[in-house]
mmCIF file of all heavy atoms, coordinates in Angstrom:
data_MODEL
# 
_entry.id   MODEL 
# 
loop_
_atom_site.group_PDB 
_atom_site.id 
_atom_site.type_symbol 
_atom_site.label_atom_id 
_atom_site.label_alt_id 
_atom_site.label_comp_id 
_atom_site.label_asym_id 
_atom_site.label_entity_id 
_atom_site.label_seq_id 
_atom_site.pdbx_PDB_ins_code 
_atom_site.Cartn_x 
_atom_site.Cartn_y 
_atom_site.Cartn_z 
_atom_site.occupancy 
_atom_site.B_iso_or_equiv 
_atom_site.pdbx_formal_charge 
_atom_site.auth_seq_id 
_atom_site.auth_comp_id 
_atom_site.auth_asym_id 
_atom_site.auth_atom_id 
_atom_site.pdbx_PDB_model_num 
ATOM 1   N N   . ASN A 1 1  ? 45.367 129.008 99.291  1.00 0.00 ? 1  ASN A N   1 
ATOM 2   C CA  . ASN A 1 1  ? 45.815 127.620 99.312  1.00 0.00 ? 1  ASN A CA  1 
ATOM 3   C C   . ASN A 1 1  ? 44.707 126.572 99.179  1.00 0.00 ? 1  ASN A C   1 
ATOM 4   O O   . ASN A 1 1  ? 45.005 125.431 98.808  1.00 0.00 ? 1  ASN A O   1 
ATOM 5   C CB  . ASN A 1 1  ? 46.577 127.351 100.615 1.00 0.00 ? 1  ASN A CB  1 
ATOM 6   C CG  . ASN A 1 1  ? 47.911 128.067 100.667 1.00 0.00 ? 1  ASN A CG  1 
ATOM 7   O OD1 . ASN A 1 1  ? 48.881 127.628 100.067 1.00 0.00 ? 1  ASN A OD1 1 
ATOM 8   N ND2 . ASN A 1 1  ? 47.949 129.201 101.374 1.00 0.00 ? 1  ASN A ND2 1 
ATOM 9   N N   . PHE A 1 2  ? 43.468 126.932 99.482  1.00 0.00 ? 2  PHE A N   1 
ATOM 10  C CA  . PHE A 1 2  ? 42.388 125.959 99.422  1.00 0.00 ? 2  PHE A CA  1 
ATOM 11  C C   . PHE A 1 2  ? 41.485 126.223 98.226  1.00 0.00 ? 2  PHE A C   1 
ATOM 12  O O   . PHE A 1 2  ? 41.304 127.371 97.807  1.00 0.00 ? 2  PHE A O   1 
ATOM 13  C CB  . PHE A 1 2  ? 41.569 125.988 100.716 1.00 0.00 ? 2  PHE A CB  1 
ATOM 14  C CG  . PHE A 1 2  ? 42.259 125.325 101.874 1.00 0.00 ? 2  PHE A CG  1 
ATOM 15  C CD1 . PHE A 1 2  ? 43.252 125.988 102.586 1.00 0.00 ? 2  PHE A CD1 1 
ATOM 16  C CD2 . PHE A 1 2  ? 41.929 124.032 102.248 1.00 0.00 ? 2  PHE A CD2 1 
ATOM 17  C CE1 . PHE A 1 2  ? 43.901 125.382 103.653 1.00 0.00 ? 2  PHE A CE1 1 
ATOM 18  C CE2 . PHE A 1 2  ? 42.571 123.409 103.317 1.00 0.00 ? 2  PHE A CE2 1 
ATOM 19  C CZ  . PHE A 1 2  ? 43.555 124.082 104.019 1.00 0.00 ? 2  PHE A CZ  1 
ATOM 20  N N   . GLY A 1 3  ? 40.913 125.146 97.696  1.00 0.00 ? 3  GLY A N   1 
ATOM 21  C CA  . GLY A 1 3  ? 40.090 125.268 96.502  1.00 0.00 ? 3  GLY A CA  1 
ATOM 22  C C   . GLY A 1 3  ? 38.845 126.105 96.709  1.00 0.00 ? 3  GLY A C   1 
ATOM 23  O O   . GLY A 1 3  ? 38.462 126.899 95.855  1.00 0.00 ? 3  GLY A O   1 
ATOM 24  N N   . ILE A 1 4  ? 38.183 125.924 97.861  1.00 0.00 ? 4  ILE A N   1 
ATOM 25  C CA  . ILE A 1 4  ? 36.939 126.625 98.154  1.00 0.00 ? 4  ILE A CA  1 
ATOM 26  C C   . ILE A 1 4  ? 36.993 127.133 99.587  1.00 0.00 ? 4  ILE A C   1 
ATOM 27  O O   . ILE A 1 4  ? 37.369 126.377 100.503 1.00 0.00 ? 4  ILE A O   1 
ATOM 28  C CB  . ILE A 1 4  ? 35.723 125.691 97.997  1.00 0.00 ? 4  ILE A CB  1 
ATOM 29  C CG1 . ILE A 1 4  ? 35.734 125.003 96.626  1.00 0.00 ? 4  ILE A CG1 1 
ATOM 30  C CG2 . ILE A 1 4  ? 34.420 126.452 98.185  1.00 0.00 ? 4  ILE A CG2 1 
ATOM 31  C CD1 . ILE A 1 4  ? 34.848 123.798 96.543  1.00 0.00 ? 4  ILE A CD1 1 
ATOM 32  N N   . VAL A 1 5  ? 36.615 128.388 99.812  1.00 0.00 ? 5  VAL A N   1 
ATOM 33  C CA  . VAL A 1 5  ? 36.623 128.990 101.147 1.00 0.00 ? 5  VAL A CA  1 
ATOM 34  C C   . VAL A 1 5  ? 35.256 129.622 101.396 1.00 0.00 ? 5  VAL A C   1 
ATOM 35  O O   . VAL A 1 5  ? 34.740 130.353 100.545 1.00 0.00 ? 5  VAL A O   1 
ATOM 36  C CB  . VAL A 1 5  ? 37.730 130.055 101.278 1.00 0.00 ? 5  VAL A CB  1 
ATOM 37  C CG1 . VAL A 1 5  ? 37.706 130.683 102.671 1.00 0.00 ? 5  VAL A CG1 1 
ATOM 38  C CG2 . VAL A 1 5  ? 39.102 129.438 100.992 1.00 0.00 ? 5  VAL A CG2 1 
ATOM 39  N N   . ARG A 1 6  ? 34.690 129.319 102.559 1.00 0.00 ? 6  ARG A N   1 
ATOM 40  C CA  . ARG A 1 6  ? 33.367 129.830 102.894 1.00 0.00 ? 6  ARG A CA  1 
ATOM 41  C C   . ARG A 1 6  ? 33.319 130.273 104.356 1.00 0.00 ? 6  ARG A C   1 
ATOM 42  O O   . ARG A 1 6  ? 34.137 129.871 105.182 1.00 0.00 ? 6  ARG A O   1 
ATOM 43  C CB  . ARG A 1 6  ? 32.294 128.755 102.673 1.00 0.00 ? 6  ARG A CB  1 
ATOM 44  C CG  . ARG A 1 6  ? 32.089 128.344 101.228 1.00 0.00 ? 6  ARG A CG  1 
ATOM 45  C CD  . ARG A 1 6  ? 31.397 129.444 100.435 1.00 0.00 ? 6  ARG A CD  1 
ATOM 46  N NE  . ARG A 1 6  ? 31.091 129.021 99.076  1.00 0.00 ? 6  ARG A NE  1 
ATOM 47  C CZ  . ARG A 1 6  ? 31.906 129.150 98.035  1.00 0.00 ? 6  ARG A CZ  1 
ATOM 48  N NH1 . ARG A 1 6  ? 33.096 129.718 98.217  1.00 0.00 ? 6  ARG A NH1 1 
ATOM 49  N NH2 . ARG A 1 6  ? 31.539 128.747 96.832  1.00 0.00 ? 6  ARG A NH2 1 
ATOM 50  N N   . ASN A 1 7  ? 32.330 131.101 104.673 1.00 0.00 ? 7  ASN A N   1 
ATOM 51  C CA  . ASN A 1 7  ? 31.930 131.417 106.045 1.00 0.00 ? 7  ASN A CA  1 
ATOM 52  C C   . ASN A 1 7  ? 30.431 131.184 106.093 1.00 0.00 ? 7  ASN A C   1 
ATOM 53  O O   . ASN A 1 7  ? 29.664 131.859 105.423 1.00 0.00 ? 7  ASN A O   1 
ATOM 54  C CB  . ASN A 1 7  ? 32.266 132.869 106.399 1.00 0.00 ? 7  ASN A CB  1 
ATOM 55  C CG  . ASN A 1 7  ? 31.625 133.296 107.700 1.00 0.00 ? 7  ASN A CG  1 
ATOM 56  O OD1 . ASN A 1 7  ? 30.618 133.996 107.690 1.00 0.00 ? 7  ASN A OD1 1 
ATOM 57  N ND2 . ASN A 1 7  ? 32.205 132.894 108.799 1.00 0.00 ? 7  ASN A ND2 1 
ATOM 58  N N   . TYR A 1 8  ? 30.016 130.177 106.872 1.00 0.00 ? 8  TYR A N   1 
ATOM 59  C CA  . TYR A 1 8  ? 28.642 129.707 106.778 1.00 0.00 ? 8  TYR A CA  1 
ATOM 60  C C   . TYR A 1 8  ? 27.751 130.230 107.889 1.00 0.00 ? 8  TYR A C   1 
ATOM 61  O O   . TYR A 1 8  ? 26.575 130.491 107.677 1.00 0.00 ? 8  TYR A O   1 
ATOM 62  C CB  . TYR A 1 8  ? 28.632 128.176 106.757 1.00 0.00 ? 8  TYR A CB  1 
ATOM 63  C CG  . TYR A 1 8  ? 27.258 127.569 106.626 1.00 0.00 ? 8  TYR A CG  1 
ATOM 64  C CD1 . TYR A 1 8  ? 26.346 128.037 105.674 1.00 0.00 ? 8  TYR A CD1 1 
ATOM 65  C CD2 . TYR A 1 8  ? 26.869 126.518 107.441 1.00 0.00 ? 8  TYR A CD2 1 
ATOM 66  C CE1 . TYR A 1 8  ? 25.078 127.479 105.548 1.00 0.00 ? 8  TYR A CE1 1 
ATOM 67  C CE2 . TYR A 1 8  ? 25.603 125.953 107.324 1.00 0.00 ? 8  TYR A CE2 1 
ATOM 68  C CZ  . TYR A 1 8  ? 24.724 126.434 106.389 1.00 0.00 ? 8  TYR A CZ  1 
ATOM 69  O OH  . TYR A 1 8  ? 23.481 125.882 106.279 1.00 0.00 ? 8  TYR A OH  1 
ATOM 70  N N   . GLY A 1 9  ? 28.245 130.379 109.112 1.00 0.00 ? 9  GLY A N   1 
ATOM 71  C CA  . GLY A 1 9  ? 27.411 130.945 110.170 1.00 0.00 ? 9  GLY A CA  1 
ATOM 72  C C   . GLY A 1 9  ? 27.328 130.120 111.429 1.00 0.00 ? 9  GLY A C   1 
ATOM 73  O O   . GLY A 1 9  ? 27.943 130.465 112.429 1.00 0.00 ? 9  GLY A O   1 
ATOM 74  N N   . PRO A 1 10 ? 26.570 129.012 111.434 1.00 0.00 ? 10 PRO A N   1 
ATOM 75  C CA  . PRO A 1 10 ? 26.414 128.248 112.678 1.00 0.00 ? 10 PRO A CA  1 
ATOM 76  C C   . PRO A 1 10 ? 27.672 127.428 112.979 1.00 0.00 ? 10 PRO A C   1 
ATOM 77  O O   . PRO A 1 10 ? 27.971 126.460 112.287 1.00 0.00 ? 10 PRO A O   1 
ATOM 78  C CB  . PRO A 1 10 ? 25.206 127.342 112.392 1.00 0.00 ? 10 PRO A CB  1 
ATOM 79  C CG  . PRO A 1 10 ? 25.186 127.198 110.906 1.00 0.00 ? 10 PRO A CG  1 
ATOM 80  C CD  . PRO A 1 10 ? 25.748 128.460 110.334 1.00 0.00 ? 10 PRO A CD  1 
ATOM 81  N N   . HIS A 1 11 ? 28.393 127.818 114.018 1.00 0.00 ? 11 HIS A N   1 
ATOM 82  C CA  . HIS A 1 11 ? 29.690 127.209 114.314 1.00 0.00 ? 11 HIS A CA  1 
ATOM 83  C C   . HIS A 1 11 ? 29.580 125.705 114.543 1.00 0.00 ? 11 HIS A C   1 
ATOM 84  O O   . HIS A 1 11 ? 30.347 124.914 113.986 1.00 0.00 ? 11 HIS A O   1 
ATOM 85  C CB  . HIS A 1 11 ? 30.304 127.852 115.559 1.00 0.00 ? 11 HIS A CB  1 
ATOM 86  C CG  . HIS A 1 11 ? 30.553 129.318 115.447 1.00 0.00 ? 11 HIS A CG  1 
ATOM 87  N ND1 . HIS A 1 11 ? 29.546 130.232 115.249 1.00 0.00 ? 11 HIS A ND1 1 
ATOM 88  C CD2 . HIS A 1 11 ? 31.703 130.033 115.545 1.00 0.00 ? 11 HIS A CD2 1 
ATOM 89  C CE1 . HIS A 1 11 ? 30.048 131.448 115.214 1.00 0.00 ? 11 HIS A CE1 1 
ATOM 90  N NE2 . HIS A 1 11 ? 31.356 131.353 115.386 1.00 0.00 ? 11 HIS A NE2 1 
ATOM 91  N N   . GLY A 1 12 ? 28.654 125.308 115.418 1.00 0.00 ? 12 GLY A N   1 
ATOM 92  C CA  . GLY A 1 12 ? 28.543 123.897 115.757 1.00 0.00 ? 12 GLY A CA  1 
ATOM 93  C C   . GLY A 1 12 ? 28.232 123.037 114.549 1.00 0.00 ? 12 GLY A C   1 
ATOM 94  O O   . GLY A 1 12 ? 28.789 121.945 114.381 1.00 0.00 ? 12 GLY A O   1 
ATOM 95  N N   . LEU A 1 13 ? 27.333 123.500 113.694 1.00 0.00 ? 13 LEU A N   1 
ATOM 96  C CA  . LEU A 1 13 ? 26.959 122.725 112.517 1.00 0.00 ? 13 LEU A CA  1 
ATOM 97  C C   . LEU A 1 13 ? 28.140 122.579 111.569 1.00 0.00 ? 13 LEU A C   1 
ATOM 98  O O   . LEU A 1 13 ? 28.332 121.519 110.969 1.00 0.00 ? 13 LEU A O   1 
ATOM 99  C CB  . LEU A 1 13 ? 25.779 123.390 111.803 1.00 0.00 ? 13 LEU A CB  1 
ATOM 100 C CG  . LEU A 1 13 ? 25.190 122.614 110.616 1.00 0.00 ? 13 LEU A CG  1 
ATOM 101 C CD1 . LEU A 1 13 ? 24.676 121.245 111.059 1.00 0.00 ? 13 LEU A CD1 1 
ATOM 102 C CD2 . LEU A 1 13 ? 24.080 123.410 109.948 1.00 0.00 ? 13 LEU A CD2 1 
ATOM 103 N N   . GLN A 1 14 ? 28.937 123.615 111.430 1.00 0.00 ? 14 GLN A N   1 
ATOM 104 C CA  . GLN A 1 14 ? 30.118 123.512 110.576 1.00 0.00 ? 14 GLN A CA  1 
ATOM 105 C C   . GLN A 1 14 ? 31.088 122.449 111.104 1.00 0.00 ? 14 GLN A C   1 
ATOM 106 O O   . GLN A 1 14 ? 31.674 121.683 110.336 1.00 0.00 ? 14 GLN A O   1 
ATOM 107 C CB  . GLN A 1 14 ? 30.819 124.866 110.482 1.00 0.00 ? 14 GLN A CB  1 
ATOM 108 C CG  . GLN A 1 14 ? 30.021 125.895 109.705 1.00 0.00 ? 14 GLN A CG  1 
ATOM 109 C CD  . GLN A 1 14 ? 30.706 127.246 109.682 1.00 0.00 ? 14 GLN A CD  1 
ATOM 110 O OE1 . GLN A 1 14 ? 31.436 127.551 108.743 1.00 0.00 ? 14 GLN A OE1 1 
ATOM 111 N NE2 . GLN A 1 14 ? 30.503 128.043 110.700 1.00 0.00 ? 14 GLN A NE2 1 
ATOM 112 N N   . LEU A 1 15 ? 31.253 122.403 112.415 1.00 0.00 ? 15 LEU A N   1 
ATOM 113 C CA  . LEU A 1 15 ? 32.127 121.385 112.997 1.00 0.00 ? 15 LEU A CA  1 
ATOM 114 C C   . LEU A 1 15 ? 31.540 119.990 112.811 1.00 0.00 ? 15 LEU A C   1 
ATOM 115 O O   . LEU A 1 15 ? 32.273 119.030 112.546 1.00 0.00 ? 15 LEU A O   1 
ATOM 116 C CB  . LEU A 1 15 ? 32.365 121.691 114.475 1.00 0.00 ? 15 LEU A CB  1 
ATOM 117 C CG  . LEU A 1 15 ? 33.225 122.926 114.724 1.00 0.00 ? 15 LEU A CG  1 
ATOM 118 C CD1 . LEU A 1 15 ? 33.125 123.368 116.182 1.00 0.00 ? 15 LEU A CD1 1 
ATOM 119 C CD2 . LEU A 1 15 ? 34.674 122.656 114.357 1.00 0.00 ? 15 LEU A CD2 1 
ATOM 120 N N   . ALA A 1 16 ? 30.216 119.867 112.930 1.00 0.00 ? 16 ALA A N   1 
ATOM 121 C CA  . ALA A 1 16 ? 29.577 118.582 112.643 1.00 0.00 ? 16 ALA A CA  1 
ATOM 122 C C   . ALA A 1 16 ? 29.787 118.196 111.182 1.00 0.00 ? 16 ALA A C   1 
ATOM 123 O O   . ALA A 1 16 ? 29.980 117.011 110.861 1.00 0.00 ? 16 ALA A O   1 
ATOM 124 C CB  . ALA A 1 16 ? 28.091 118.652 112.975 1.00 0.00 ? 16 ALA A CB  1 
ATOM 125 N N   . TYR A 1 17 ? 29.768 119.179 110.302 1.00 0.00 ? 17 TYR A N   1 
ATOM 126 C CA  . TYR A 1 17 ? 30.014 118.909 108.880 1.00 0.00 ? 17 TYR A CA  1 
ATOM 127 C C   . TYR A 1 17 ? 31.441 118.431 108.634 1.00 0.00 ? 17 TYR A C   1 
ATOM 128 O O   . TYR A 1 17 ? 31.681 117.662 107.694 1.00 0.00 ? 17 TYR A O   1 
ATOM 129 C CB  . TYR A 1 17 ? 29.737 120.162 108.057 1.00 0.00 ? 17 TYR A CB  1 
ATOM 130 C CG  . TYR A 1 17 ? 28.267 120.431 107.763 1.00 0.00 ? 17 TYR A CG  1 
ATOM 131 C CD1 . TYR A 1 17 ? 27.890 121.557 107.045 1.00 0.00 ? 17 TYR A CD1 1 
ATOM 132 C CD2 . TYR A 1 17 ? 27.263 119.571 108.194 1.00 0.00 ? 17 TYR A CD2 1 
ATOM 133 C CE1 . TYR A 1 17 ? 26.567 121.817 106.757 1.00 0.00 ? 17 TYR A CE1 1 
ATOM 134 C CE2 . TYR A 1 17 ? 25.934 119.822 107.923 1.00 0.00 ? 17 TYR A CE2 1 
ATOM 135 C CZ  . TYR A 1 17 ? 25.587 120.949 107.201 1.00 0.00 ? 17 TYR A CZ  1 
ATOM 136 O OH  . TYR A 1 17 ? 24.255 121.196 106.917 1.00 0.00 ? 17 TYR A OH  1 
ATOM 137 N N   . VAL A 1 18 ? 32.398 118.900 109.441 1.00 0.00 ? 18 VAL A N   1 
ATOM 138 C CA  . VAL A 1 18 ? 33.754 118.335 109.343 1.00 0.00 ? 18 VAL A CA  1 
ATOM 139 C C   . VAL A 1 18 ? 33.694 116.847 109.670 1.00 0.00 ? 18 VAL A C   1 
ATOM 140 O O   . VAL A 1 18 ? 34.262 115.998 108.972 1.00 0.00 ? 18 VAL A O   1 
ATOM 141 C CB  . VAL A 1 18 ? 34.733 119.057 110.283 1.00 0.00 ? 18 VAL A CB  1 
ATOM 142 C CG1 . VAL A 1 18 ? 36.105 118.348 110.267 1.00 0.00 ? 18 VAL A CG1 1 
ATOM 143 C CG2 . VAL A 1 18 ? 34.910 120.516 109.868 1.00 0.00 ? 18 VAL A CG2 1 
ATOM 144 N N   . GLY A 1 19 ? 32.973 116.506 110.749 1.00 0.00 ? 19 GLY A N   1 
ATOM 145 C CA  . GLY A 1 19 ? 32.816 115.112 111.108 1.00 0.00 ? 19 GLY A CA  1 
ATOM 146 C C   . GLY A 1 19 ? 32.139 114.291 110.024 1.00 0.00 ? 19 GLY A C   1 
ATOM 147 O O   . GLY A 1 19 ? 32.438 113.103 109.851 1.00 0.00 ? 19 GLY A O   1 
ATOM 148 N N   . ALA A 1 20 ? 31.238 114.918 109.277 1.00 0.00 ? 20 ALA A N   1 
ATOM 149 C CA  . ALA A 1 20 ? 30.499 114.224 108.214 1.00 0.00 ? 20 ALA A CA  1 
ATOM 150 C C   . ALA A 1 20 ? 31.246 114.214 106.886 1.00 0.00 ? 20 ALA A C   1 
ATOM 151 O O   . ALA A 1 20 ? 30.735 113.648 105.909 1.00 0.00 ? 20 ALA A O   1 
ATOM 152 C CB  . ALA A 1 20 ? 29.134 114.878 108.040 1.00 0.00 ? 20 ALA A CB  1 
ATOM 153 N N   . GLY A 1 21 ? 32.420 114.843 106.811 1.00 0.00 ? 21 GLY A N   1 
ATOM 154 C CA  . GLY A 1 21 ? 33.174 114.883 105.570 1.00 0.00 ? 21 GLY A CA  1 
ATOM 155 C C   . GLY A 1 21 ? 32.679 115.908 104.574 1.00 0.00 ? 21 GLY A C   1 
ATOM 156 O O   . GLY A 1 21 ? 33.130 115.948 103.426 1.00 0.00 ? 21 GLY A O   1 
ATOM 157 N N   . ARG A 1 22 ? 31.755 116.775 104.980 1.00 0.00 ? 22 ARG A N   1 
ATOM 158 C CA  . ARG A 1 22 ? 31.213 117.789 104.076 1.00 0.00 ? 22 ARG A CA  1 
ATOM 159 C C   . ARG A 1 22 ? 32.105 119.023 104.025 1.00 0.00 ? 22 ARG A C   1 
ATOM 160 O O   . ARG A 1 22 ? 32.143 119.733 103.020 1.00 0.00 ? 22 ARG A O   1 
ATOM 161 C CB  . ARG A 1 22 ? 29.806 118.191 104.522 1.00 0.00 ? 22 ARG A CB  1 
ATOM 162 C CG  . ARG A 1 22 ? 28.817 117.029 104.528 1.00 0.00 ? 22 ARG A CG  1 
ATOM 163 C CD  . ARG A 1 22 ? 27.469 117.456 105.097 1.00 0.00 ? 22 ARG A CD  1 
ATOM 164 N NE  . ARG A 1 22 ? 26.529 116.348 105.141 1.00 0.00 ? 22 ARG A NE  1 
ATOM 165 C CZ  . ARG A 1 22 ? 25.295 116.428 105.616 1.00 0.00 ? 22 ARG A CZ  1 
ATOM 166 N NH1 . ARG A 1 22 ? 24.857 117.597 106.099 1.00 0.00 ? 22 ARG A NH1 1 
ATOM 167 N NH2 . ARG A 1 22 ? 24.507 115.374 105.626 1.00 0.00 ? 22 ARG A NH2 1 
ATOM 168 N N   . ILE A 1 23 ? 32.752 119.326 105.129 1.00 0.00 ? 23 ILE A N   1 
ATOM 169 C CA  . ILE A 1 23 ? 33.727 120.410 105.221 1.00 0.00 ? 23 ILE A CA  1 
ATOM 170 C C   . ILE A 1 23 ? 35.067 119.781 105.559 1.00 0.00 ? 23 ILE A C   1 
ATOM 171 O O   . ILE A 1 23 ? 35.144 118.875 106.400 1.00 0.00 ? 23 ILE A O   1 
ATOM 172 C CB  . ILE A 1 23 ? 33.304 121.440 106.281 1.00 0.00 ? 23 ILE A CB  1 
ATOM 173 C CG1 . ILE A 1 23 ? 32.094 122.254 105.790 1.00 0.00 ? 23 ILE A CG1 1 
ATOM 174 C CG2 . ILE A 1 23 ? 34.454 122.364 106.654 1.00 0.00 ? 23 ILE A CG2 1 
ATOM 175 C CD1 . ILE A 1 23 ? 31.513 123.192 106.825 1.00 0.00 ? 23 ILE A CD1 1 
ATOM 176 N N   . ASP A 1 24 ? 36.123 120.255 104.923 1.00 0.00 ? 24 ASP A N   1 
ATOM 177 C CA  . ASP A 1 24 ? 37.426 119.634 105.097 1.00 0.00 ? 24 ASP A CA  1 
ATOM 178 C C   . ASP A 1 24 ? 38.260 120.276 106.207 1.00 0.00 ? 24 ASP A C   1 
ATOM 179 O O   . ASP A 1 24 ? 39.107 119.602 106.803 1.00 0.00 ? 24 ASP A O   1 
ATOM 180 C CB  . ASP A 1 24 ? 38.213 119.689 103.781 1.00 0.00 ? 24 ASP A CB  1 
ATOM 181 C CG  . ASP A 1 24 ? 37.500 118.928 102.683 1.00 0.00 ? 24 ASP A CG  1 
ATOM 182 O OD1 . ASP A 1 24 ? 37.457 117.690 102.749 1.00 0.00 ? 24 ASP A OD1 1 
ATOM 183 O OD2 . ASP A 1 24 ? 36.947 119.586 101.771 1.00 0.00 ? 24 ASP A OD2 1 
ATOM 184 N N   . LEU A 1 25 ? 38.020 121.560 106.478 1.00 0.00 ? 25 LEU A N   1 
ATOM 185 C CA  . LEU A 1 25 ? 38.801 122.241 107.514 1.00 0.00 ? 25 LEU A CA  1 
ATOM 186 C C   . LEU A 1 25 ? 38.002 123.394 108.088 1.00 0.00 ? 25 LEU A C   1 
ATOM 187 O O   . LEU A 1 25 ? 37.345 124.138 107.345 1.00 0.00 ? 25 LEU A O   1 
ATOM 188 C CB  . LEU A 1 25 ? 40.128 122.745 106.945 1.00 0.00 ? 25 LEU A CB  1 
ATOM 189 C CG  . LEU A 1 25 ? 41.045 123.517 107.910 1.00 0.00 ? 25 LEU A CG  1 
ATOM 190 C CD1 . LEU A 1 25 ? 42.506 123.104 107.709 1.00 0.00 ? 25 LEU A CD1 1 
ATOM 191 C CD2 . LEU A 1 25 ? 40.910 125.034 107.718 1.00 0.00 ? 25 LEU A CD2 1 
ATOM 192 N N   . PHE A 1 26 ? 38.046 123.525 109.411 1.00 0.00 ? 26 PHE A N   1 
ATOM 193 C CA  . PHE A 1 26 ? 37.421 124.646 110.131 1.00 0.00 ? 26 PHE A CA  1 
ATOM 194 C C   . PHE A 1 26 ? 38.522 125.362 110.889 1.00 0.00 ? 26 PHE A C   1 
ATOM 195 O O   . PHE A 1 26 ? 39.345 124.738 111.569 1.00 0.00 ? 26 PHE A O   1 
ATOM 196 C CB  . PHE A 1 26 ? 36.382 124.113 111.119 1.00 0.00 ? 26 PHE A CB  1 
ATOM 197 C CG  . PHE A 1 26 ? 35.759 125.164 112.011 1.00 0.00 ? 26 PHE A CG  1 
ATOM 198 C CD1 . PHE A 1 26 ? 34.499 125.655 111.732 1.00 0.00 ? 26 PHE A CD1 1 
ATOM 199 C CD2 . PHE A 1 26 ? 36.423 125.650 113.132 1.00 0.00 ? 26 PHE A CD2 1 
ATOM 200 C CE1 . PHE A 1 26 ? 33.912 126.622 112.557 1.00 0.00 ? 26 PHE A CE1 1 
ATOM 201 C CE2 . PHE A 1 26 ? 35.860 126.616 113.953 1.00 0.00 ? 26 PHE A CE2 1 
ATOM 202 C CZ  . PHE A 1 26 ? 34.595 127.103 113.663 1.00 0.00 ? 26 PHE A CZ  1 
ATOM 203 N N   . VAL A 1 27 ? 38.520 126.701 110.813 1.00 0.00 ? 27 VAL A N   1 
ATOM 204 C CA  . VAL A 1 27 ? 39.520 127.467 111.563 1.00 0.00 ? 27 VAL A CA  1 
ATOM 205 C C   . VAL A 1 27 ? 38.888 128.743 112.104 1.00 0.00 ? 27 VAL A C   1 
ATOM 206 O O   . VAL A 1 27 ? 38.052 129.376 111.443 1.00 0.00 ? 27 VAL A O   1 
ATOM 207 C CB  . VAL A 1 27 ? 40.757 127.790 110.690 1.00 0.00 ? 27 VAL A CB  1 
ATOM 208 C CG1 . VAL A 1 27 ? 40.393 128.662 109.495 1.00 0.00 ? 27 VAL A CG1 1 
ATOM 209 C CG2 . VAL A 1 27 ? 41.855 128.440 111.517 1.00 0.00 ? 27 VAL A CG2 1 
# 
């Protein structure tokens, strides 16, 4: 369903990236 799917590693940074608009969804 999503255009791009990744697993990046550092959980906190990924959530910060959601806040920064760099990542659209974290699950």
